[in-house]
N, C-alpha and C. Protein backbone atom coordinates (compact mmCIF):
# COMPACT_ATOMS: atom_id res chain seq x y z
N MET A 1 0.84 -1.18 0.00
CA MET A 1 0.00 0.00 0.00
C MET A 1 0.89 1.24 0.00
N THR A 2 0.51 2.22 -0.77
CA THR A 2 1.28 3.46 -0.82
C THR A 2 0.95 4.35 0.37
N SER A 3 1.79 5.33 0.57
CA SER A 3 1.58 6.26 1.68
C SER A 3 0.26 7.01 1.52
N ALA A 4 -0.06 7.41 0.30
CA ALA A 4 -1.32 8.13 0.06
C ALA A 4 -2.52 7.25 0.37
N ALA A 5 -2.44 5.97 0.04
CA ALA A 5 -3.55 5.06 0.33
C ALA A 5 -3.71 4.85 1.83
N ILE A 6 -2.61 4.74 2.53
CA ILE A 6 -2.65 4.58 3.98
C ILE A 6 -3.28 5.82 4.62
N HIS A 7 -2.87 7.00 4.15
CA HIS A 7 -3.45 8.24 4.69
C HIS A 7 -4.94 8.32 4.39
N ALA A 8 -5.35 7.88 3.22
CA ALA A 8 -6.77 7.91 2.87
C ALA A 8 -7.57 6.99 3.79
N VAL A 9 -7.02 5.82 4.08
CA VAL A 9 -7.70 4.89 4.98
C VAL A 9 -7.77 5.46 6.39
N GLN A 10 -6.69 6.09 6.84
CA GLN A 10 -6.68 6.72 8.17
C GLN A 10 -7.72 7.83 8.25
N LEU A 11 -7.79 8.67 7.23
CA LEU A 11 -8.76 9.76 7.23
C LEU A 11 -10.19 9.24 7.13
N LEU A 12 -10.39 8.17 6.41
CA LEU A 12 -11.73 7.57 6.32
C LEU A 12 -12.15 7.06 7.70
N GLY A 13 -11.25 6.39 8.39
CA GLY A 13 -11.56 5.91 9.73
C GLY A 13 -11.83 7.04 10.70
N ALA A 14 -11.03 8.10 10.61
CA ALA A 14 -11.24 9.27 11.47
C ALA A 14 -12.57 9.94 11.14
N GLY A 15 -12.94 9.97 9.87
CA GLY A 15 -14.21 10.56 9.47
C GLY A 15 -15.40 9.79 10.01
N VAL A 16 -15.31 8.47 9.97
CA VAL A 16 -16.39 7.63 10.51
C VAL A 16 -16.49 7.83 12.02
N LEU A 17 -15.36 7.84 12.70
CA LEU A 17 -15.36 8.06 14.14
C LEU A 17 -15.88 9.45 14.50
N ALA A 18 -15.47 10.46 13.73
CA ALA A 18 -15.95 11.83 13.98
C ALA A 18 -17.45 11.93 13.75
N GLY A 19 -17.96 11.24 12.75
CA GLY A 19 -19.40 11.24 12.50
C GLY A 19 -20.16 10.58 13.63
N ALA A 20 -19.60 9.51 14.19
CA ALA A 20 -20.24 8.85 15.33
C ALA A 20 -20.26 9.76 16.55
N VAL A 21 -19.17 10.47 16.77
CA VAL A 21 -19.10 11.40 17.90
C VAL A 21 -20.10 12.54 17.69
N ASP A 22 -20.20 13.03 16.46
CA ASP A 22 -21.12 14.12 16.17
C ASP A 22 -22.57 13.68 16.38
N SER A 23 -22.89 12.47 16.00
CA SER A 23 -24.27 12.00 16.16
C SER A 23 -24.62 11.81 17.63
N ALA A 24 -23.62 11.63 18.47
CA ALA A 24 -23.85 11.48 19.91
C ALA A 24 -23.81 12.82 20.62
N GLY A 25 -23.67 13.90 19.89
CA GLY A 25 -23.69 15.23 20.47
C GLY A 25 -22.32 15.74 20.87
N GLY A 26 -21.27 15.09 20.37
CA GLY A 26 -19.92 15.52 20.72
C GLY A 26 -19.38 16.56 19.77
N ILE A 27 -18.15 16.88 19.97
CA ILE A 27 -17.48 17.87 19.13
C ILE A 27 -16.60 17.13 18.13
N THR A 28 -17.03 17.14 16.89
CA THR A 28 -16.35 16.41 15.83
C THR A 28 -14.91 16.86 15.64
N SER A 29 -14.63 18.13 15.84
CA SER A 29 -13.30 18.68 15.60
C SER A 29 -12.23 18.05 16.48
N LEU A 30 -12.61 17.51 17.62
CA LEU A 30 -11.63 16.86 18.48
C LEU A 30 -11.01 15.64 17.83
N ILE A 31 -11.68 15.07 16.85
CA ILE A 31 -11.15 13.91 16.15
C ILE A 31 -10.66 14.28 14.77
N SER A 32 -11.44 15.04 14.02
CA SER A 32 -11.11 15.30 12.63
C SER A 32 -9.89 16.20 12.46
N TYR A 33 -9.77 17.25 13.25
CA TYR A 33 -8.65 18.18 13.07
C TYR A 33 -7.30 17.53 13.38
N PRO A 34 -7.14 16.83 14.51
CA PRO A 34 -5.86 16.16 14.74
C PRO A 34 -5.54 15.09 13.69
N ALA A 35 -6.58 14.43 13.17
CA ALA A 35 -6.35 13.42 12.13
C ALA A 35 -5.81 14.07 10.86
N LEU A 36 -6.33 15.23 10.50
CA LEU A 36 -5.83 15.94 9.33
C LEU A 36 -4.38 16.35 9.53
N LEU A 37 -4.05 16.82 10.73
CA LEU A 37 -2.66 17.20 11.01
C LEU A 37 -1.74 15.99 11.03
N ALA A 38 -2.24 14.86 11.53
CA ALA A 38 -1.42 13.65 11.65
C ALA A 38 -0.98 13.09 10.30
N VAL A 39 -1.79 13.28 9.27
CA VAL A 39 -1.41 12.77 7.96
C VAL A 39 -0.57 13.76 7.17
N GLY A 40 -0.26 14.91 7.79
CA GLY A 40 0.67 15.84 7.16
C GLY A 40 0.05 17.04 6.48
N ILE A 41 -1.23 17.26 6.66
CA ILE A 41 -1.85 18.45 6.08
C ILE A 41 -1.48 19.65 6.94
N ALA A 42 -1.10 20.73 6.31
CA ALA A 42 -0.68 21.94 7.03
C ALA A 42 -1.85 22.50 7.84
N PRO A 43 -1.55 23.24 8.91
CA PRO A 43 -2.63 23.73 9.79
C PRO A 43 -3.70 24.58 9.11
N LEU A 44 -3.32 25.48 8.22
CA LEU A 44 -4.33 26.34 7.59
C LEU A 44 -5.28 25.53 6.69
N PRO A 45 -4.78 24.69 5.78
CA PRO A 45 -5.72 23.87 4.99
C PRO A 45 -6.54 22.91 5.86
N ALA A 46 -5.95 22.42 6.95
CA ALA A 46 -6.70 21.53 7.85
C ALA A 46 -7.83 22.28 8.53
N THR A 47 -7.58 23.53 8.90
CA THR A 47 -8.62 24.34 9.53
C THR A 47 -9.75 24.63 8.55
N VAL A 48 -9.39 24.97 7.32
CA VAL A 48 -10.41 25.24 6.30
C VAL A 48 -11.22 23.99 6.01
N THR A 49 -10.55 22.86 5.86
CA THR A 49 -11.25 21.60 5.60
C THR A 49 -12.19 21.26 6.74
N ASN A 50 -11.73 21.44 7.96
CA ASN A 50 -12.55 21.14 9.13
C ASN A 50 -13.75 22.07 9.20
N SER A 51 -13.55 23.34 8.88
CA SER A 51 -14.66 24.30 8.90
C SER A 51 -15.71 23.97 7.84
N VAL A 52 -15.28 23.58 6.66
CA VAL A 52 -16.22 23.19 5.60
C VAL A 52 -17.01 21.96 6.03
N ALA A 53 -16.34 21.02 6.68
CA ALA A 53 -17.03 19.82 7.15
C ALA A 53 -18.07 20.17 8.22
N LEU A 54 -17.74 21.12 9.09
CA LEU A 54 -18.70 21.52 10.13
C LEU A 54 -19.93 22.17 9.51
N VAL A 55 -19.73 22.99 8.49
CA VAL A 55 -20.87 23.64 7.82
C VAL A 55 -21.76 22.57 7.17
N ALA A 56 -21.15 21.52 6.65
CA ALA A 56 -21.93 20.46 6.03
C ALA A 56 -22.73 19.67 7.06
N CYS A 57 -22.33 19.68 8.32
CA CYS A 57 -23.05 18.95 9.37
C CYS A 57 -24.25 19.71 9.91
N TRP A 58 -24.28 21.02 9.76
CA TRP A 58 -25.36 21.83 10.34
C TRP A 58 -26.75 21.42 9.89
N PRO A 59 -27.00 21.21 8.59
CA PRO A 59 -28.37 20.85 8.19
C PRO A 59 -28.84 19.55 8.82
N GLY A 60 -27.96 18.57 8.88
CA GLY A 60 -28.35 17.30 9.51
C GLY A 60 -28.64 17.44 10.98
N SER A 61 -27.85 18.26 11.65
CA SER A 61 -28.09 18.50 13.08
C SER A 61 -29.40 19.24 13.30
N ALA A 62 -29.71 20.18 12.44
CA ALA A 62 -30.94 20.95 12.57
C ALA A 62 -32.16 20.06 12.34
N VAL A 63 -32.10 19.22 11.33
CA VAL A 63 -33.22 18.33 11.05
C VAL A 63 -33.36 17.28 12.16
N GLY A 64 -32.23 16.78 12.66
CA GLY A 64 -32.27 15.77 13.70
C GLY A 64 -32.75 16.29 15.04
N SER A 65 -32.65 17.58 15.27
CA SER A 65 -33.05 18.12 16.58
C SER A 65 -34.51 18.53 16.63
N GLN A 66 -35.22 18.44 15.51
CA GLN A 66 -36.64 18.78 15.51
C GLN A 66 -37.43 17.68 16.20
N PRO A 67 -38.52 18.05 16.85
CA PRO A 67 -39.32 17.02 17.55
C PRO A 67 -40.01 16.07 16.58
């Protein structure tokens, strides 16, 4: 397996774990941001990527919180 493939698998696993934490009411960034840094993404692009992912979670959270 190449380094890029290993990083992709690591990020996929971190994404699944972050999604599980988010669905339980946790803070997704505690998992996703360090995972992005761990695979070598620079802090600024990691912050932007994390922010875009958080914006994508808002609609699901809003729909899920309705009675």
